[in-house]
Amino acid sequence: MSKENDFVPLTEAFYYILVTLYAGPLHGYGIMQEVEKISSGKTIIGAGTLYTALNTLAKRKYIENVNPSSADSRRKVYSITAPGRAALLAEINRLEELLENGRQAIHRQRGDSQ
């Protein structure tokens, strides 16, 4: 089993793709729509970025194509894998630590007690 610090930080696109797939398998266009929805429109992943990211995540074994023998090979459906879930959770923990460190530094600078 990989240790949490074995994972490299995820790009914003990788992060949102994995978050989206955590809820269940989706095809590329569905991923694009869901990322825009869950980010309240702040993150829009274009087709080129999406498919480059999907290929990279698949090479890292973070996602897999769950219908490789589909009659319509253009409509690939992707699912997050166990290593992908571990990478996502490690990233969430890393981001939480960054936020906490930043908040503590700001509170110290202000002289806040917390």
C-alpha atoms as a PDB file:
ATOM      1  CA  MET A   1       0.000   0.000   0.000  1.00  0.00           C
ATOM      2  CA  SER A   2       1.298   3.436  -0.901  1.00  0.00           C
ATOM      3  CA  LYS A   3       1.991   5.990   1.758  1.00  0.00           C
ATOM      4  CA  GLU A   4       0.114   9.279   1.554  1.00  0.00           C
ATOM      5  CA  ASN A   5       3.285  11.245   0.792  1.00  0.00           C
ATOM      6  CA  ASP A   6       4.045   8.966  -2.195  1.00  0.00           C
ATOM      7  CA  PHE A   7       1.465  10.892  -4.242  1.00  0.00           C
ATOM      8  CA  VAL A   8       2.407  14.030  -6.102  1.00  0.00           C
ATOM      9  CA  PRO A   9       0.143  17.069  -5.874  1.00  0.00           C
ATOM     10  CA  LEU A  10      -2.720  16.887  -8.355  1.00  0.00           C
ATOM     11  CA  THR A  11      -3.413  19.577 -10.920  1.00  0.00           C
ATOM     12  CA  GLU A  12      -6.787  21.273 -10.644  1.00  0.00           C
ATOM     13  CA  ALA A  13      -8.063  19.279 -13.636  1.00  0.00           C
ATOM     14  CA  PHE A  14      -6.843  15.956 -12.191  1.00  0.00           C
ATOM     15  CA  TYR A  15      -8.365  16.816  -8.816  1.00  0.00           C
ATOM     16  CA  TYR A  16     -11.786  17.670 -10.200  1.00  0.00           C
ATOM     17  CA  ILE A  17     -11.845  14.657 -12.512  1.00  0.00           C
ATOM     18  CA  LEU A  18     -11.107  12.321  -9.600  1.00  0.00           C
ATOM     19  CA  VAL A  19     -13.677  14.070  -7.378  1.00  0.00           C
ATOM     20  CA  THR A  20     -16.262  13.697 -10.122  1.00  0.00           C
ATOM     21  CA  LEU A  21     -15.493  10.012 -10.671  1.00  0.00           C
ATOM     22  CA  TYR A  22     -15.552   9.331  -6.920  1.00  0.00           C
ATOM     23  CA  ALA A  23     -19.344   9.586  -7.154  1.00  0.00           C
ATOM     24  CA  GLY A  24     -19.482   7.014  -9.962  1.00  0.00           C
ATOM     25  CA  PRO A  25     -18.430   6.230 -13.538  1.00  0.00           C
ATOM     26  CA  LEU A  26     -18.944   8.854 -16.244  1.00  0.00           C
ATOM     27  CA  HIS A  27     -18.090   9.467 -19.873  1.00  0.00           C
ATOM     28  CA  GLY A  28     -15.890  12.392 -20.899  1.00  0.00           C
ATOM     29  CA  TYR A  29     -18.636  14.900 -21.643  1.00  0.00           C
ATOM     30  CA  GLY A  30     -20.372  14.019 -18.379  1.00  0.00           C
ATOM     31  CA  ILE A  31     -17.116  14.649 -16.518  1.00  0.00           C
ATOM     32  CA  MET A  32     -16.811  18.082 -18.151  1.00  0.00           C
ATOM     33  CA  GLN A  33     -20.372  18.982 -17.152  1.00  0.00           C
ATOM     34  CA  GLU A  34     -20.025  17.690 -13.600  1.00  0.00           C
ATOM     35  CA  VAL A  35     -16.722  19.533 -13.006  1.00  0.00           C
ATOM     36  CA  GLU A  36     -18.336  22.787 -14.072  1.00  0.00           C
ATOM     37  CA  LYS A  37     -21.334  22.058 -11.833  1.00  0.00           C
ATOM     38  CA  ILE A  38     -19.444  21.095  -8.655  1.00  0.00           C
ATOM     39  CA  SER A  39     -17.058  24.038  -9.046  1.00  0.00           C
ATOM     40  CA  SER A  40     -19.997  26.431  -9.468  1.00  0.00           C
ATOM     41  CA  GLY A  41     -18.710  27.312 -12.929  1.00  0.00           C
ATOM     42  CA  LYS A  42     -15.277  28.368 -11.669  1.00  0.00           C
ATOM     43  CA  THR A  43     -13.522  25.464 -13.395  1.00  0.00           C
ATOM     44  CA  ILE A  44     -14.304  24.592 -16.975  1.00  0.00           C
ATOM     45  CA  ILE A  45     -12.269  21.798 -18.502  1.00  0.00           C
ATOM     46  CA  GLY A  46     -12.073  21.883 -22.273  1.00  0.00           C
ATOM     47  CA  ALA A  47     -12.040  18.729 -24.376  1.00  0.00           C
ATOM     48  CA  GLY A  48      -8.304  18.877 -25.099  1.00  0.00           C
ATOM     49  CA  THR A  49      -7.400  19.283 -21.432  1.00  0.00           C
ATOM     50  CA  LEU A  50      -9.897  16.628 -20.401  1.00  0.00           C
ATOM     51  CA  TYR A  51      -8.679  13.899 -22.718  1.00  0.00           C
ATOM     52  CA  THR A  52      -5.013  14.647 -22.026  1.00  0.00           C
ATOM     53  CA  ALA A  53      -5.785  14.458 -18.290  1.00  0.00           C
ATOM     54  CA  LEU A  54      -7.788  11.239 -18.700  1.00  0.00           C
ATOM     55  CA  ASN A  55      -4.902   9.609 -20.572  1.00  0.00           C
ATOM     56  CA  THR A  56      -2.428  10.668 -17.875  1.00  0.00           C
ATOM     57  CA  LEU A  57      -4.689   9.505 -15.047  1.00  0.00           C
ATOM     58  CA  ALA A  58      -5.188   6.164 -16.811  1.00  0.00           C
ATOM     59  CA  LYS A  59      -1.404   5.732 -17.203  1.00  0.00           C
ATOM     60  CA  ARG A  60      -1.028   6.390 -13.474  1.00  0.00           C
ATOM     61  CA  LYS A  61      -3.744   3.768 -12.866  1.00  0.00           C
ATOM     62  CA  TYR A  62      -5.908   6.347 -11.063  1.00  0.00           C
ATOM     63  CA  ILE A  63      -8.814   5.727 -13.456  1.00  0.00           C
ATOM     64  CA  GLU A  64      -9.861   3.003 -15.857  1.00  0.00           C
ATOM     65  CA  ASN A  65     -12.120   2.621 -18.861  1.00  0.00           C
ATOM     66  CA  VAL A  66     -15.007   0.482 -17.642  1.00  0.00           C
ATOM     67  CA  ASN A  67     -16.469  -0.330 -21.062  1.00  0.00           C
ATOM     68  CA  PRO A  68     -13.485  -1.101 -23.296  1.00  0.00           C
ATOM     69  CA  SER A  69     -15.486  -3.411 -25.567  1.00  0.00           C
ATOM     70  CA  SER A  70     -18.317  -0.948 -26.135  1.00  0.00           C
ATOM     71  CA  ALA A  71     -19.643  -0.767 -29.694  1.00  0.00           C
ATOM     72  CA  ASP A  72     -19.127   2.998 -29.610  1.00  0.00           C
ATOM     73  CA  SER A  73     -15.434   3.300 -28.754  1.00  0.00           C
ATOM     74  CA  ARG A  74     -15.751   7.091 -28.727  1.00  0.00           C
ATOM     75  CA  ARG A  75     -18.047   6.910 -25.700  1.00  0.00           C
ATOM     76  CA  LYS A  76     -15.589   5.685 -23.085  1.00  0.00           C
ATOM     77  CA  VAL A  77     -16.835   5.500 -19.531  1.00  0.00           C
ATOM     78  CA  TYR A  78     -14.261   6.071 -16.813  1.00  0.00           C
ATOM     79  CA  SER A  79     -14.181   4.939 -13.203  1.00  0.00           C
ATOM     80  CA  ILE A  80     -11.841   5.836 -10.355  1.00  0.00           C
ATOM     81  CA  THR A  81      -9.593   3.013  -9.113  1.00  0.00           C
ATOM     82  CA  ALA A  82      -8.355   2.254  -5.593  1.00  0.00           C
ATOM     83  CA  PRO A  83      -5.035   4.058  -6.295  1.00  0.00           C
ATOM     84  CA  GLY A  84      -7.050   6.984  -7.667  1.00  0.00           C
ATOM     85  CA  ARG A  85      -9.155   7.164  -4.523  1.00  0.00           C
ATOM     86  CA  ALA A  86      -5.995   7.035  -2.401  1.00  0.00           C
ATOM     87  CA  ALA A  87      -4.394   9.824  -4.453  1.00  0.00           C
ATOM     88  CA  LEU A  88      -7.515  11.974  -4.146  1.00  0.00           C
ATOM     89  CA  LEU A  89      -7.757  11.492  -0.384  1.00  0.00           C
ATOM     90  CA  ALA A  90      -4.033  12.243  -0.025  1.00  0.00           C
ATOM     91  CA  GLU A  91      -4.544  15.445  -2.023  1.00  0.00           C
ATOM     92  CA  ILE A  92      -7.494  16.495   0.117  1.00  0.00           C
ATOM     93  CA  ASN A  93      -5.387  15.944   3.234  1.00  0.00           C
ATOM     94  CA  ARG A  94      -2.511  17.914   1.686  1.00  0.00           C
ATOM     95  CA  LEU A  95      -4.829  20.817   0.811  1.00  0.00           C
ATOM     96  CA  GLU A  96      -6.373  20.804   4.291  1.00  0.00           C
ATOM     97  CA  GLU A  97      -2.887  20.990   5.799  1.00  0.00           C
ATOM     98  CA  LEU A  98      -1.991  23.913   3.513  1.00  0.00           C
ATOM     99  CA  LEU A  99      -5.143  25.763   4.545  1.00  0.00           C
ATOM    100  CA  GLU A 100      -4.537  25.116   8.232  1.00  0.00           C
ATOM    101  CA  ASN A 101      -0.915  26.253   7.999  1.00  0.00           C
ATOM    102  CA  GLY A 102      -1.998  29.420   6.214  1.00  0.00           C
ATOM    103  CA  ARG A 103      -4.729  30.157   8.745  1.00  0.00           C
ATOM    104  CA  GLN A 104      -2.346  29.630  11.661  1.00  0.00           C
ATOM    105  CA  ALA A 105       0.261  31.933  10.106  1.00  0.00           C
ATOM    106  CA  ILE A 106      -2.357  34.651   9.531  1.00  0.00           C
ATOM    107  CA  HIS A 107      -3.712  34.318  13.072  1.00  0.00           C
ATOM    108  CA  ARG A 108      -0.165  34.534  14.490  1.00  0.00           C
ATOM    109  CA  GLN A 109       0.547  37.615  12.395  1.00  0.00           C
ATOM    110  CA  ARG A 110      -2.651  39.283  13.593  1.00  0.00           C
ATOM    111  CA  GLY A 111      -2.004  38.242  17.165  1.00  0.00           C
ATOM    112  CA  ASP A 112      -5.192  36.212  17.240  1.00  0.00           C
ATOM    113  CA  SER A 113      -5.406  33.438  19.746  1.00  0.00           C
ATOM    114  CA  GLN A 114      -6.312  30.149  18.092  1.00  0.00           C
END
